[in-house]
N, C-alpha and C. Protein backbone atom coordinates (compact mmCIF):
# COMPACT_ATOMS: atom_id res chain seq x y z
N MET A 1 0.77 -1.29 -0.11
CA MET A 1 -0.09 -0.04 -0.03
C MET A 1 0.91 1.30 -0.04
N ASN A 2 2.00 1.14 0.60
CA ASN A 2 2.89 2.42 0.71
C ASN A 2 3.78 2.27 -0.62
N THR A 3 4.27 3.46 -0.95
CA THR A 3 5.15 3.70 -2.06
C THR A 3 6.57 4.06 -1.55
N LEU A 4 7.47 3.10 -1.99
CA LEU A 4 8.79 3.28 -1.53
C LEU A 4 9.62 4.52 -2.54
N TYR A 5 10.08 5.51 -1.94
CA TYR A 5 10.82 6.39 -2.63
C TYR A 5 12.39 6.29 -2.15
N ARG A 6 13.23 6.16 -3.14
CA ARG A 6 14.64 5.89 -2.96
C ARG A 6 15.43 7.13 -3.01
N LYS A 7 16.13 7.41 -1.72
CA LYS A 7 17.07 8.55 -1.67
C LYS A 7 18.36 7.98 -1.31
N PRO A 8 19.53 8.63 -1.60
CA PRO A 8 20.76 7.90 -1.23
C PRO A 8 20.81 7.62 0.19
N ASN A 9 21.03 6.33 0.02
CA ASN A 9 21.05 5.72 1.54
C ASN A 9 19.95 5.86 2.59
N LEU A 10 18.73 6.10 1.96
CA LEU A 10 17.44 6.26 2.73
C LEU A 10 16.32 5.65 1.99
N PHE A 11 15.31 5.10 2.77
CA PHE A 11 14.07 4.69 2.03
C PHE A 11 13.05 5.47 2.86
N LEU A 12 11.97 6.02 2.36
CA LEU A 12 11.00 6.57 2.94
C LEU A 12 9.66 5.97 2.47
N ARG A 13 8.94 5.65 3.55
CA ARG A 13 7.61 5.15 3.37
C ARG A 13 6.59 6.09 3.25
N ILE A 14 5.67 6.60 2.38
CA ILE A 14 4.95 7.67 2.21
C ILE A 14 3.48 6.95 2.03
N PRO A 15 2.58 7.14 2.78
CA PRO A 15 1.36 6.46 2.43
C PRO A 15 0.52 7.29 1.21
N LYS A 16 -0.11 6.48 0.40
CA LYS A 16 -0.79 6.96 -0.86
C LYS A 16 -2.02 7.97 -0.30
N TYR A 17 -2.56 7.48 0.66
CA TYR A 17 -3.70 8.27 1.10
C TYR A 17 -3.86 8.51 2.63
N ARG A 18 -3.90 9.75 2.80
CA ARG A 18 -3.96 10.20 4.39
C ARG A 18 -5.53 10.87 4.25
N PRO A 19 -6.38 10.53 5.15
CA PRO A 19 -7.64 11.16 5.40
C PRO A 19 -7.49 12.58 5.76
N LYS A 20 -8.11 13.49 5.04
CA LYS A 20 -7.82 14.89 5.40
C LYS A 20 -8.89 15.32 6.47
N ILE A 21 -8.22 16.14 7.39
CA ILE A 21 -9.15 16.69 8.45
C ILE A 21 -9.12 18.15 8.65
N LEU A 22 -10.22 18.74 8.52
CA LEU A 22 -10.32 20.13 8.62
C LEU A 22 -9.82 20.65 9.98
N PRO A 23 -9.21 21.66 9.92
CA PRO A 23 -8.69 22.38 11.22
C PRO A 23 -9.69 22.38 12.38
N SER A 24 -11.11 22.89 11.91
CA SER A 24 -11.89 22.74 13.10
C SER A 24 -12.38 21.61 13.57
N GLN A 25 -12.41 20.48 12.60
CA GLN A 25 -12.66 19.02 13.16
C GLN A 25 -11.18 18.62 14.09
N ALA A 26 -10.27 19.05 13.68
CA ALA A 26 -9.00 18.53 14.63
C ALA A 26 -9.23 19.30 15.97
N ARG A 27 -9.63 20.49 15.99
CA ARG A 27 -9.69 21.28 17.27
C ARG A 27 -11.02 20.49 18.22
N LEU A 28 -11.85 20.06 17.44
CA LEU A 28 -12.86 19.15 18.16
C LEU A 28 -12.47 17.85 18.74
N GLY A 29 -11.38 17.50 18.22
CA GLY A 29 -10.85 16.02 18.55
C GLY A 29 -11.49 14.83 17.72
N LEU A 30 -11.85 15.28 16.35
CA LEU A 30 -12.31 14.34 15.55
C LEU A 30 -11.18 13.57 14.88
N LYS A 31 -11.14 12.37 14.65
CA LYS A 31 -10.02 11.64 13.99
C LYS A 31 -10.16 11.47 12.46
N SER A 32 -11.26 11.72 11.78
CA SER A 32 -11.54 11.57 10.48
C SER A 32 -12.55 12.62 9.96
N LYS A 33 -12.95 12.22 8.76
CA LYS A 33 -14.12 13.18 8.35
C LYS A 33 -15.40 13.04 8.65
N GLU A 34 -15.49 12.55 9.90
CA GLU A 34 -16.89 12.47 10.68
C GLU A 34 -17.48 13.62 10.96
N ALA A 35 -18.83 13.96 10.92
CA ALA A 35 -19.37 15.08 11.00
C ALA A 35 -19.37 15.51 12.39
N ALA A 36 -19.31 16.70 12.74
CA ALA A 36 -19.53 17.17 13.98
C ALA A 36 -20.87 17.81 14.10
N ALA A 37 -21.30 17.43 15.40
CA ALA A 37 -22.74 17.80 15.65
C ALA A 37 -22.70 19.48 15.74
N PRO A 38 -23.80 20.04 15.52
CA PRO A 38 -24.06 21.44 15.37
C PRO A 38 -23.49 22.00 16.80
N GLU A 39 -23.86 21.56 17.94
CA GLU A 39 -23.47 22.11 19.10
C GLU A 39 -22.10 21.79 19.55
N GLU A 40 -21.34 21.15 18.65
CA GLU A 40 -19.88 20.84 19.07
C GLU A 40 -19.01 21.77 18.24
N ILE A 41 -19.80 22.62 17.28
CA ILE A 41 -18.74 23.56 16.45
C ILE A 41 -18.39 24.72 17.21
N HIS A 42 -17.30 25.13 17.19
CA HIS A 42 -16.76 26.12 17.98
C HIS A 42 -17.37 27.52 17.50
N ASP A 43 -17.77 28.07 18.70
CA ASP A 43 -18.39 29.57 18.50
C ASP A 43 -17.56 30.63 17.89
N LYS A 44 -16.22 30.56 17.86
CA LYS A 44 -15.35 31.44 17.27
C LYS A 44 -15.57 31.58 15.77
N LYS A 45 -15.86 30.48 15.20
CA LYS A 45 -16.02 30.68 13.68
C LYS A 45 -17.16 31.47 13.33
N ARG A 46 -18.33 31.53 14.21
CA ARG A 46 -19.30 32.41 13.85
C ARG A 46 -19.14 33.89 14.31
N ILE A 47 -18.23 33.96 14.99
CA ILE A 47 -17.96 35.57 15.36
C ILE A 47 -16.97 36.33 14.50
N THR A 48 -17.58 37.37 13.94
CA THR A 48 -17.00 38.15 13.04
C THR A 48 -16.81 39.55 13.48
N ILE A 49 -15.47 40.14 13.32
CA ILE A 49 -15.24 41.41 14.04
C ILE A 49 -15.00 42.39 12.83
N LEU A 50 -15.48 43.43 12.98
CA LEU A 50 -15.53 44.47 11.87
C LEU A 50 -14.23 45.51 12.44
N CYS A 51 -13.27 45.64 11.86
CA CYS A 51 -12.31 46.85 12.04
C CYS A 51 -12.25 48.00 11.16
N VAL A 52 -12.61 49.08 11.76
CA VAL A 52 -12.83 50.41 10.92
C VAL A 52 -11.67 51.44 11.38
N ASP A 53 -10.99 51.73 10.24
CA ASP A 53 -10.09 52.84 10.57
C ASP A 53 -9.40 53.45 9.32
N ASP A 54 -9.33 54.61 9.25
CA ASP A 54 -8.74 55.05 7.86
C ASP A 54 -7.04 55.08 7.92
N ASP A 55 -6.29 54.59 9.08
CA ASP A 55 -5.13 54.48 9.15
C ASP A 55 -4.99 53.06 8.55
N PRO A 56 -4.30 52.65 7.38
CA PRO A 56 -4.08 51.30 7.03
C PRO A 56 -3.21 50.53 7.94
N MET A 57 -2.23 51.13 8.45
CA MET A 57 -1.32 50.28 9.17
C MET A 57 -1.99 49.60 10.58
N LEU A 58 -2.84 50.60 11.21
CA LEU A 58 -3.48 50.36 12.54
C LEU A 58 -4.65 49.18 12.10
N ARG A 59 -5.24 49.49 11.03
CA ARG A 59 -6.21 48.50 10.54
C ARG A 59 -5.79 47.19 10.24
N LEU A 60 -4.50 47.05 9.64
CA LEU A 60 -3.87 45.96 9.35
C LEU A 60 -3.65 45.21 10.80
N THR A 61 -3.00 45.88 11.51
CA THR A 61 -2.38 45.28 12.87
C THR A 61 -3.73 44.87 13.54
N GLU A 62 -4.76 45.61 13.81
CA GLU A 62 -6.00 45.15 14.47
C GLU A 62 -6.48 43.75 13.86
N THR A 63 -6.49 43.85 12.50
CA THR A 63 -7.15 42.61 11.85
C THR A 63 -6.27 41.44 12.13
N SER A 64 -4.81 41.50 12.10
CA SER A 64 -4.17 40.35 12.37
C SER A 64 -4.10 39.83 13.58
N ILE A 65 -4.23 40.93 14.62
CA ILE A 65 -4.34 40.28 16.07
C ILE A 65 -5.56 39.67 16.48
N LEU A 66 -6.65 40.27 15.86
CA LEU A 66 -8.06 39.68 16.00
C LEU A 66 -8.09 38.20 15.38
N LYS A 67 -7.51 38.20 14.12
CA LYS A 67 -7.47 36.87 13.51
C LYS A 67 -6.79 35.65 14.21
N LYS A 68 -5.71 36.14 14.98
CA LYS A 68 -4.99 35.20 15.86
C LYS A 68 -5.66 34.72 17.02
N LEU A 69 -6.83 35.48 17.44
CA LEU A 69 -7.83 35.07 18.26
C LEU A 69 -8.69 33.90 17.88
N GLY A 70 -8.58 33.89 16.83
CA GLY A 70 -9.44 32.73 15.99
C GLY A 70 -10.81 33.34 15.52
N HIS A 71 -11.15 34.51 15.41
CA HIS A 71 -12.19 35.01 14.99
C HIS A 71 -12.04 35.43 13.30
N GLY A 72 -13.33 35.53 12.80
CA GLY A 72 -13.45 36.07 11.48
C GLY A 72 -13.16 37.43 11.51
N VAL A 73 -12.53 38.19 10.52
CA VAL A 73 -12.44 39.64 10.74
C VAL A 73 -12.51 40.30 9.38
N LYS A 74 -13.24 41.43 9.40
CA LYS A 74 -13.53 42.15 8.01
C LYS A 74 -12.90 43.50 8.23
N ALA A 75 -12.59 44.30 7.41
CA ALA A 75 -12.11 45.55 7.60
C ALA A 75 -12.76 46.55 6.55
N ALA A 76 -12.94 47.72 7.07
CA ALA A 76 -13.33 48.83 6.24
C ALA A 76 -12.47 50.07 6.62
N ASN A 77 -12.33 51.09 5.66
CA ASN A 77 -11.35 52.21 5.79
C ASN A 77 -12.17 53.36 6.10
N ASP A 78 -13.42 53.31 6.07
CA ASP A 78 -14.38 54.60 6.51
C ASP A 78 -15.67 54.06 6.98
N GLY A 79 -16.41 55.13 7.45
CA GLY A 79 -17.75 54.75 7.96
C GLY A 79 -18.68 54.23 7.01
N ALA A 80 -18.77 54.77 5.79
CA ALA A 80 -19.67 54.30 4.82
C ALA A 80 -19.59 52.99 4.32
N ASP A 81 -18.39 52.60 4.19
CA ASP A 81 -17.91 51.07 3.99
C ASP A 81 -18.39 50.21 5.26
N ALA A 82 -18.01 50.55 6.59
CA ALA A 82 -18.60 49.94 7.51
C ALA A 82 -20.11 49.63 7.59
N LEU A 83 -20.77 50.65 7.18
CA LEU A 83 -22.30 50.45 7.35
C LEU A 83 -22.94 49.71 6.41
N GLU A 84 -22.19 49.54 5.02
CA GLU A 84 -22.47 48.57 4.04
C GLU A 84 -22.32 47.16 4.68
N ILE A 85 -21.24 47.08 5.34
CA ILE A 85 -20.88 45.50 5.95
C ILE A 85 -21.81 45.22 7.03
N VAL A 86 -22.19 46.26 7.74
CA VAL A 86 -22.96 45.81 8.80
C VAL A 86 -24.50 45.40 8.29
N MET A 87 -24.94 46.20 7.52
CA MET A 87 -26.25 45.97 6.73
C MET A 87 -26.21 44.60 6.36
N GLN A 88 -25.13 44.05 5.63
CA GLN A 88 -25.17 42.73 5.08
C GLN A 88 -25.53 41.78 6.07
N GLY A 89 -25.11 42.00 7.42
CA GLY A 89 -25.24 41.07 8.58
C GLY A 89 -24.00 40.25 9.00
N GLY A 90 -24.08 39.52 9.96
CA GLY A 90 -22.95 38.61 10.35
C GLY A 90 -21.88 39.32 11.18
N ILE A 91 -22.06 40.45 11.41
CA ILE A 91 -21.01 41.12 12.25
C ILE A 91 -21.26 40.94 13.87
N SER A 92 -20.38 40.61 14.73
CA SER A 92 -20.64 40.31 15.97
C SER A 92 -19.95 41.53 16.88
N LEU A 93 -18.92 42.29 16.39
CA LEU A 93 -18.29 43.21 17.20
C LEU A 93 -17.84 44.43 16.11
N ILE A 94 -17.74 45.59 16.40
CA ILE A 94 -17.03 46.61 15.69
C ILE A 94 -15.93 47.25 16.52
N VAL A 95 -14.82 47.33 16.12
CA VAL A 95 -13.60 48.14 16.53
C VAL A 95 -13.39 49.32 15.72
N SER A 96 -13.73 50.59 15.96
CA SER A 96 -13.68 51.65 14.94
C SER A 96 -12.84 52.91 15.68
N GLY A 97 -12.18 53.38 14.68
CA GLY A 97 -11.36 54.82 15.01
C GLY A 97 -12.45 55.89 15.14
N TYR A 98 -12.10 56.91 15.75
CA TYR A 98 -13.00 58.17 15.95
C TYR A 98 -12.74 59.10 14.77
N GLN A 99 -11.50 59.69 14.42
CA GLN A 99 -11.32 60.54 13.45
C GLN A 99 -11.18 59.92 12.15
N MET A 100 -12.16 59.85 11.23
CA MET A 100 -12.03 59.51 9.86
C MET A 100 -12.53 60.48 8.87
N PRO A 101 -12.26 60.68 7.74
CA PRO A 101 -12.72 61.44 6.81
C PRO A 101 -13.94 61.54 6.53
N ASP A 102 -14.55 60.55 6.17
CA ASP A 102 -15.97 60.46 5.65
C ASP A 102 -16.93 60.62 6.79
N MET A 103 -16.84 59.72 7.70
CA MET A 103 -17.82 59.63 8.79
C MET A 103 -16.91 59.25 10.08
N ARG A 104 -17.52 60.17 11.09
CA ARG A 104 -16.52 60.19 12.33
C ARG A 104 -17.15 58.93 13.15
N GLY A 105 -16.37 58.44 14.22
CA GLY A 105 -16.61 57.32 14.85
C GLY A 105 -17.94 57.48 15.58
N ASP A 106 -18.31 58.61 16.19
CA ASP A 106 -19.59 58.65 16.83
C ASP A 106 -21.02 58.82 15.78
N GLU A 107 -20.65 59.31 14.56
CA GLU A 107 -21.71 59.30 13.60
C GLU A 107 -21.89 57.73 13.33
N LEU A 108 -20.70 56.87 12.97
CA LEU A 108 -20.90 55.52 12.68
C LEU A 108 -21.70 54.82 14.02
N LEU A 109 -21.28 55.04 15.09
CA LEU A 109 -21.80 54.51 16.39
C LEU A 109 -23.29 54.67 16.23
N GLY A 110 -23.78 55.91 16.05
CA GLY A 110 -25.19 56.20 16.08
C GLY A 110 -25.80 55.54 14.97
N ALA A 111 -25.35 55.38 13.75
CA ALA A 111 -25.87 54.68 12.54
C ALA A 111 -25.94 53.41 13.04
N VAL A 112 -25.00 52.71 13.63
CA VAL A 112 -24.88 51.17 13.77
C VAL A 112 -25.96 50.85 14.82
N LYS A 113 -26.04 51.77 15.95
CA LYS A 113 -26.98 51.32 16.91
C LYS A 113 -28.53 51.72 16.40
N LYS A 114 -28.69 52.30 15.34
CA LYS A 114 -30.07 52.42 14.63
C LYS A 114 -30.29 51.06 13.92
N ILE A 115 -29.23 50.37 13.47
CA ILE A 115 -29.59 49.05 12.67
C ILE A 115 -29.51 47.98 13.62
N ASP A 116 -28.53 47.94 14.58
CA ASP A 116 -28.57 46.93 15.52
C ASP A 116 -28.30 47.36 16.95
N PRO A 117 -29.19 47.70 17.66
CA PRO A 117 -28.85 48.17 18.98
C PRO A 117 -28.10 47.30 19.89
N GLY A 118 -28.08 46.00 19.62
CA GLY A 118 -27.28 45.13 20.67
C GLY A 118 -25.79 44.85 20.11
N LEU A 119 -25.61 45.48 19.15
CA LEU A 119 -23.98 45.08 18.38
C LEU A 119 -23.15 45.86 19.24
N PRO A 120 -22.06 45.22 19.88
CA PRO A 120 -21.05 45.91 20.72
C PRO A 120 -20.01 46.69 19.87
N VAL A 121 -19.71 47.89 20.25
CA VAL A 121 -18.82 48.81 19.36
C VAL A 121 -17.86 49.23 20.55
N ILE A 122 -16.43 49.08 19.91
CA ILE A 122 -15.45 49.70 20.64
C ILE A 122 -14.85 50.86 19.94
N ILE A 123 -14.69 51.99 20.46
CA ILE A 123 -14.19 53.31 19.88
C ILE A 123 -12.84 53.44 20.22
N VAL A 124 -11.89 53.67 19.47
CA VAL A 124 -10.42 54.04 19.47
C VAL A 124 -10.16 55.45 19.15
N SER A 125 -9.59 56.27 20.02
CA SER A 125 -9.27 57.58 19.55
C SER A 125 -8.12 58.13 20.33
N ALA A 126 -7.35 58.96 19.62
CA ALA A 126 -6.25 59.73 19.95
C ALA A 126 -6.50 60.86 20.63
N THR A 127 -7.52 61.55 20.59
CA THR A 127 -8.15 62.83 21.24
C THR A 127 -9.22 62.61 22.09
N LEU A 128 -9.11 61.70 23.12
CA LEU A 128 -10.03 61.56 24.06
C LEU A 128 -10.03 62.71 25.24
N THR A 129 -11.38 63.07 25.49
CA THR A 129 -11.68 64.02 26.45
C THR A 129 -12.79 63.42 27.28
N PRO A 130 -12.94 63.63 28.54
CA PRO A 130 -13.94 63.17 29.41
C PRO A 130 -15.42 63.28 28.79
N GLU A 131 -15.41 64.56 28.21
CA GLU A 131 -16.80 64.66 27.45
C GLU A 131 -16.94 63.97 26.18
N LEU A 132 -15.97 63.61 25.53
CA LEU A 132 -15.96 62.53 24.41
C LEU A 132 -16.39 61.28 24.96
N VAL A 133 -15.79 60.77 26.21
CA VAL A 133 -15.89 59.43 26.64
C VAL A 133 -17.51 59.46 26.92
N ILE A 134 -18.12 60.36 27.70
CA ILE A 134 -19.22 60.31 28.02
C ILE A 134 -20.22 60.34 27.01
N LYS A 135 -20.03 61.17 25.79
CA LYS A 135 -20.84 61.31 24.45
C LYS A 135 -20.68 59.69 23.92
N PHE A 136 -19.60 59.09 23.86
CA PHE A 136 -19.48 57.62 23.33
C PHE A 136 -20.41 56.71 23.98
N LYS A 137 -20.31 56.88 25.49
CA LYS A 137 -21.13 55.76 26.31
C LYS A 137 -22.65 56.21 26.24
N GLU A 138 -22.99 57.42 26.02
CA GLU A 138 -24.33 57.71 25.88
C GLU A 138 -24.84 57.07 24.59
N LEU A 139 -23.96 57.18 23.48
CA LEU A 139 -24.45 56.62 22.12
C LEU A 139 -24.48 55.12 22.16
N GLY A 140 -24.10 54.48 23.09
CA GLY A 140 -24.16 53.04 23.37
C GLY A 140 -22.71 52.48 23.10
N ALA A 141 -21.69 53.08 23.06
CA ALA A 141 -20.22 52.38 23.03
C ALA A 141 -20.15 51.43 24.03
N SER A 142 -19.58 50.24 23.74
CA SER A 142 -19.34 49.29 24.87
C SER A 142 -18.08 49.64 25.51
N LEU A 143 -17.07 50.27 24.76
CA LEU A 143 -15.87 50.54 25.36
C LEU A 143 -15.21 51.71 24.59
N VAL A 144 -14.42 52.54 25.25
CA VAL A 144 -13.58 53.73 24.45
C VAL A 144 -12.12 53.49 25.10
N MET A 145 -11.26 53.26 23.97
CA MET A 145 -10.01 53.11 24.24
C MET A 145 -9.16 54.37 23.41
N SER A 146 -7.99 54.66 24.18
CA SER A 146 -7.12 55.59 23.65
C SER A 146 -6.14 55.12 22.86
N LYS A 147 -5.53 55.86 21.96
CA LYS A 147 -4.54 55.68 21.12
C LYS A 147 -3.15 56.37 22.01
N PRO A 148 -2.00 55.71 21.62
CA PRO A 148 -1.76 54.65 20.93
C PRO A 148 -2.03 53.37 21.53
N LEU A 149 -2.79 52.36 20.77
CA LEU A 149 -3.45 51.28 21.02
C LEU A 149 -2.48 50.16 21.55
N ASP A 150 -2.86 49.58 22.82
CA ASP A 150 -2.16 48.51 23.25
C ASP A 150 -2.76 47.26 22.93
N MET A 151 -2.17 46.55 22.15
CA MET A 151 -2.87 45.17 21.34
C MET A 151 -3.09 44.30 22.39
N THR A 152 -2.28 44.01 23.35
CA THR A 152 -2.58 43.14 24.50
C THR A 152 -3.80 43.40 25.23
N GLU A 153 -4.14 44.84 25.40
CA GLU A 153 -5.17 45.34 26.14
C GLU A 153 -6.51 45.06 25.11
N LEU A 154 -6.30 45.34 23.98
CA LEU A 154 -7.48 45.17 22.74
C LEU A 154 -7.86 43.70 22.97
N LYS A 155 -6.78 42.70 22.87
CA LYS A 155 -7.19 41.40 22.87
C LYS A 155 -8.10 40.91 24.19
N GLU A 156 -7.68 41.46 25.10
CA GLU A 156 -8.28 41.19 26.57
C GLU A 156 -9.73 41.76 26.61
N GLU A 157 -10.07 43.00 26.19
CA GLU A 157 -11.22 43.54 26.20
C GLU A 157 -12.03 42.97 25.13
N VAL A 158 -11.35 42.83 24.05
CA VAL A 158 -12.47 41.78 23.01
C VAL A 158 -12.95 40.49 23.58
N ARG A 159 -12.10 39.65 24.20
CA ARG A 159 -12.41 38.59 24.84
C ARG A 159 -13.50 38.79 26.03
N LYS A 160 -13.35 39.86 26.68
CA LYS A 160 -14.30 40.22 27.88
C LYS A 160 -15.68 40.58 27.24
N ILE A 161 -15.56 41.23 26.22
CA ILE A 161 -16.97 41.69 25.48
C ILE A 161 -17.53 40.35 24.89
N LEU A 162 -16.86 39.44 24.23
CA LEU A 162 -17.52 38.46 23.71
C LEU A 162 -17.89 37.36 24.39
N SER A 163 -17.26 37.21 25.80
CA SER A 163 -17.78 36.44 26.79
C SER A 163 -18.58 37.03 27.74
N SER A 164 -19.08 38.04 27.74
CA SER A 164 -20.04 38.64 28.63
C SER A 164 -21.27 38.00 28.51
N ASP A 165 -22.28 38.11 29.71
CA ASP A 165 -23.47 37.54 29.55
C ASP A 165 -24.35 38.11 28.65
N ALA A 166 -24.21 39.46 28.30
CA ALA A 166 -25.11 40.22 27.47
C ALA A 166 -24.92 39.61 26.08
N PHE A 167 -23.59 39.58 25.83
CA PHE A 167 -23.19 39.15 24.30
C PHE A 167 -23.62 37.69 24.23
N LEU A 168 -23.38 36.86 24.99
CA LEU A 168 -23.68 35.35 24.94
C LEU A 168 -25.13 35.10 24.83
N GLU A 169 -25.99 35.91 25.48
CA GLU A 169 -27.50 35.93 25.52
C GLU A 169 -28.01 36.33 24.18
N ASP A 170 -27.46 37.38 23.58
CA ASP A 170 -27.84 37.98 22.27
C ASP A 170 -27.47 37.01 21.05
N THR A 171 -26.58 36.30 21.19
CA THR A 171 -26.24 35.38 20.15
C THR A 171 -26.65 33.92 20.30
N LYS A 172 -27.56 33.68 21.13
CA LYS A 172 -28.15 32.28 21.25
C LYS A 172 -29.14 32.17 19.92
N PRO A 173 -29.20 31.07 19.34
CA PRO A 173 -29.92 30.98 18.15
C PRO A 173 -31.42 31.35 18.37
N GLU A 174 -31.95 31.18 19.48
CA GLU A 174 -33.55 31.54 19.51
C GLU A 174 -33.66 33.09 19.74
N ASN A 175 -32.51 33.85 19.93
CA ASN A 175 -32.61 35.31 19.86
C ASN A 175 -32.30 35.96 18.71
N ARG A 176 -31.73 35.16 17.61
CA ARG A 176 -31.28 35.75 16.29
C ARG A 176 -32.44 35.94 15.49
């Protein structure tokens, strides 16, 4: 069943067929292509985070950090693009900058809360004042963070929001 390949002074046995296992099945401990029950499927694959910022380097850094957490990530470079993505559905959390050329973060936050009031939004700004933080909280921001952004802190805050009781209750199938 195995094929022999000859290399100088070395024989390798390579099986002709190895069953392929999807990464999600491997994480669930499945040994072959057996189907996973719907309740066994890891919730992280259903979570999609939208990163909105006009700074391409910050947006790229945020998306790569959040992908490493195992979540799906989409990116938008301004508020108008972000609203289009939100209207398509499937977004679980938004991380948005404040100062953007087309639509500021507070305007995006207000528009998003009209579309989906339960959608958590994290606002990131370099120009935070106490009045601005109060304004964001009144508009429904889940969290307000200052720049320069500490990526370790961002990861922890995203984990906290995604594991909060309010988020978990909102994402149950009977509530969708």
